Amino acid sequence: MPNTSALPSESTTARAPEFRWSHQATKILIEVYGTFKRKLGSFDVKNSKMMWWKISQALLDLNIKVTPNNCMNRWRVLERNYKKYVDNQRQTGRGRTFFEYKHEMEEVFLKKKISILNCC
């Protein structure tokens, strides 16, 4: 029989309440991501883990209390949904879909394309 005294109790492993992303917080995340993504690989932001930490700190300065994991997960969902939206727009005969953050995401991805073109 396992020693139950060595297992953490529920009170010690209580998780923080899940953060609910508001429309405004999501727009701010997209904007902040765009600024830090360009710095990725520089002395300021050496790797993606540091980038997400800095993004969460920037949001904390704006009184949006999120963890780096919250930011990363939200970005992944946004990116996946944006790519689905773009793919749907290219299909003929499909019902058109609506993506709430279309303009903000286009700015981020447009800057990404421009930086790729300027590198060579």
Protein backbone atom coordinates (compact mmCIF):
# COMPACT_ATOMS: atom_id res chain seq x y z
CA MET A 1 0.00 0.00 0.00
CA PRO A 2 1.48 3.40 -0.96
CA ASN A 3 2.40 5.87 1.71
CA THR A 4 -0.39 8.46 1.51
CA SER A 5 1.40 10.92 3.77
CA ALA A 6 3.98 11.49 1.01
CA LEU A 7 1.31 12.47 -1.51
CA PRO A 8 0.40 16.16 -1.68
CA SER A 9 -3.01 16.99 -0.36
CA GLU A 10 -5.60 18.78 -2.46
CA SER A 11 -5.11 21.98 -0.50
CA THR A 12 -1.41 22.13 -1.39
CA THR A 13 -1.97 21.37 -5.06
CA ALA A 14 -4.85 23.78 -5.57
CA ARG A 15 -4.57 25.40 -8.96
CA ALA A 16 -4.99 29.07 -9.61
CA PRO A 17 -8.31 29.98 -11.19
CA GLU A 18 -8.22 29.73 -14.96
CA PHE A 19 -7.79 33.04 -16.75
CA ARG A 20 -10.58 33.99 -19.14
CA TRP A 21 -9.31 35.95 -22.13
CA SER A 22 -11.37 39.04 -22.84
CA HIS A 23 -11.55 40.60 -26.28
CA GLN A 24 -9.33 43.50 -25.20
CA ALA A 25 -6.77 41.25 -23.49
CA THR A 26 -6.52 39.13 -26.63
CA LYS A 27 -5.92 42.19 -28.81
CA ILE A 28 -3.20 43.34 -26.44
CA LEU A 29 -1.60 39.88 -26.51
CA ILE A 30 -1.48 39.97 -30.32
CA GLU A 31 0.10 43.41 -30.30
CA VAL A 32 2.68 42.53 -27.64
CA TYR A 33 3.49 39.25 -29.39
CA GLY A 34 4.21 41.16 -32.59
CA THR A 35 6.76 43.37 -30.85
CA PHE A 36 8.53 40.55 -29.03
CA LYS A 37 8.50 38.12 -31.97
CA ARG A 38 10.71 40.51 -33.94
CA LYS A 39 13.21 40.52 -31.06
CA LEU A 40 13.37 36.72 -30.82
CA GLY A 41 16.95 35.51 -31.10
CA SER A 42 18.42 38.83 -30.00
CA PHE A 43 20.16 39.56 -26.72
CA ASP A 44 16.88 40.76 -25.18
CA VAL A 45 14.87 37.69 -26.11
CA LYS A 46 17.16 34.70 -26.52
CA ASN A 47 14.56 31.94 -26.90
CA SER A 48 10.81 31.42 -27.10
CA LYS A 49 10.53 30.51 -23.42
CA MET A 50 11.99 33.89 -22.50
CA MET A 51 9.73 35.57 -25.06
CA TRP A 52 6.59 34.16 -23.44
CA TRP A 53 7.86 35.15 -20.00
CA LYS A 54 8.47 38.71 -21.20
CA ILE A 55 5.05 38.83 -22.85
CA SER A 56 3.37 37.74 -19.62
CA GLN A 57 5.35 40.41 -17.73
CA ALA A 58 4.31 43.06 -20.25
CA LEU A 59 0.68 42.03 -19.81
CA LEU A 60 1.12 42.07 -16.04
CA ASP A 61 2.29 45.68 -16.33
CA LEU A 62 -1.06 46.35 -18.02
CA ASN A 63 -2.84 44.63 -15.10
CA ILE A 64 -3.60 41.45 -17.06
CA LYS A 65 -2.50 38.61 -14.79
CA VAL A 66 -1.53 35.68 -17.00
CA THR A 67 1.21 33.09 -16.94
CA PRO A 68 3.60 32.48 -19.82
CA ASN A 69 1.73 29.21 -20.48
CA ASN A 70 -1.59 31.07 -20.67
CA CYS A 71 -0.11 33.40 -23.28
CA MET A 72 1.47 30.62 -25.30
CA ASN A 73 -1.72 28.53 -25.31
CA ARG A 74 -3.88 31.49 -26.29
CA TRP A 75 -1.49 32.35 -29.12
CA ARG A 76 -1.56 28.77 -30.41
CA VAL A 77 -5.36 28.82 -30.47
CA LEU A 78 -5.38 32.19 -32.25
CA GLU A 79 -2.83 31.06 -34.81
CA ARG A 80 -4.67 27.79 -35.48
CA ASN A 81 -8.01 29.57 -35.90
CA TYR A 82 -6.48 32.24 -38.14
CA LYS A 83 -4.94 29.59 -40.39
CA LYS A 84 -8.30 27.79 -40.59
CA TYR A 85 -9.94 31.09 -41.49
CA VAL A 86 -7.40 31.83 -44.24
CA ASP A 87 -7.74 28.31 -45.61
CA ASN A 88 -11.52 28.61 -45.63
CA GLN A 89 -11.33 31.90 -47.52
CA ARG A 90 -9.28 30.22 -50.26
CA GLN A 91 -11.81 27.44 -50.77
CA THR A 92 -14.50 27.90 -53.38
CA GLY A 93 -18.05 26.92 -52.57
CA ARG A 94 -17.47 27.15 -48.85
CA GLY A 95 -19.59 29.19 -46.53
CA ARG A 96 -17.59 32.22 -45.52
CA THR A 97 -16.40 32.29 -41.94
CA PHE A 98 -15.69 35.19 -39.65
CA PHE A 99 -12.52 35.60 -37.61
CA GLU A 100 -12.75 38.19 -34.88
CA TYR A 101 -9.06 39.14 -34.82
CA LYS A 102 -8.44 39.08 -38.58
CA HIS A 103 -6.89 42.54 -38.91
CA GLU A 104 -4.64 42.19 -35.87
CA MET A 105 -3.36 38.78 -36.98
CA GLU A 106 -2.79 40.01 -40.54
CA GLU A 107 -0.55 42.75 -39.17
CA VAL A 108 1.56 40.21 -37.26
CA PHE A 109 1.82 37.80 -40.18
CA LEU A 110 2.45 40.59 -42.70
CA LYS A 111 5.37 41.83 -40.59
CA LYS A 112 6.63 38.25 -40.44
CA LYS A 113 6.55 37.98 -44.25
CA ILE A 114 8.29 41.33 -44.70
CA SER A 115 11.08 40.38 -42.30
CA ILE A 116 11.61 37.09 -44.16
CA LEU A 117 11.81 38.91 -47.50
CA ASN A 118 14.25 41.50 -46.13
CA CYS A 119 16.67 38.93 -44.73
CA CYS A 120 17.98 37.70 -48.11
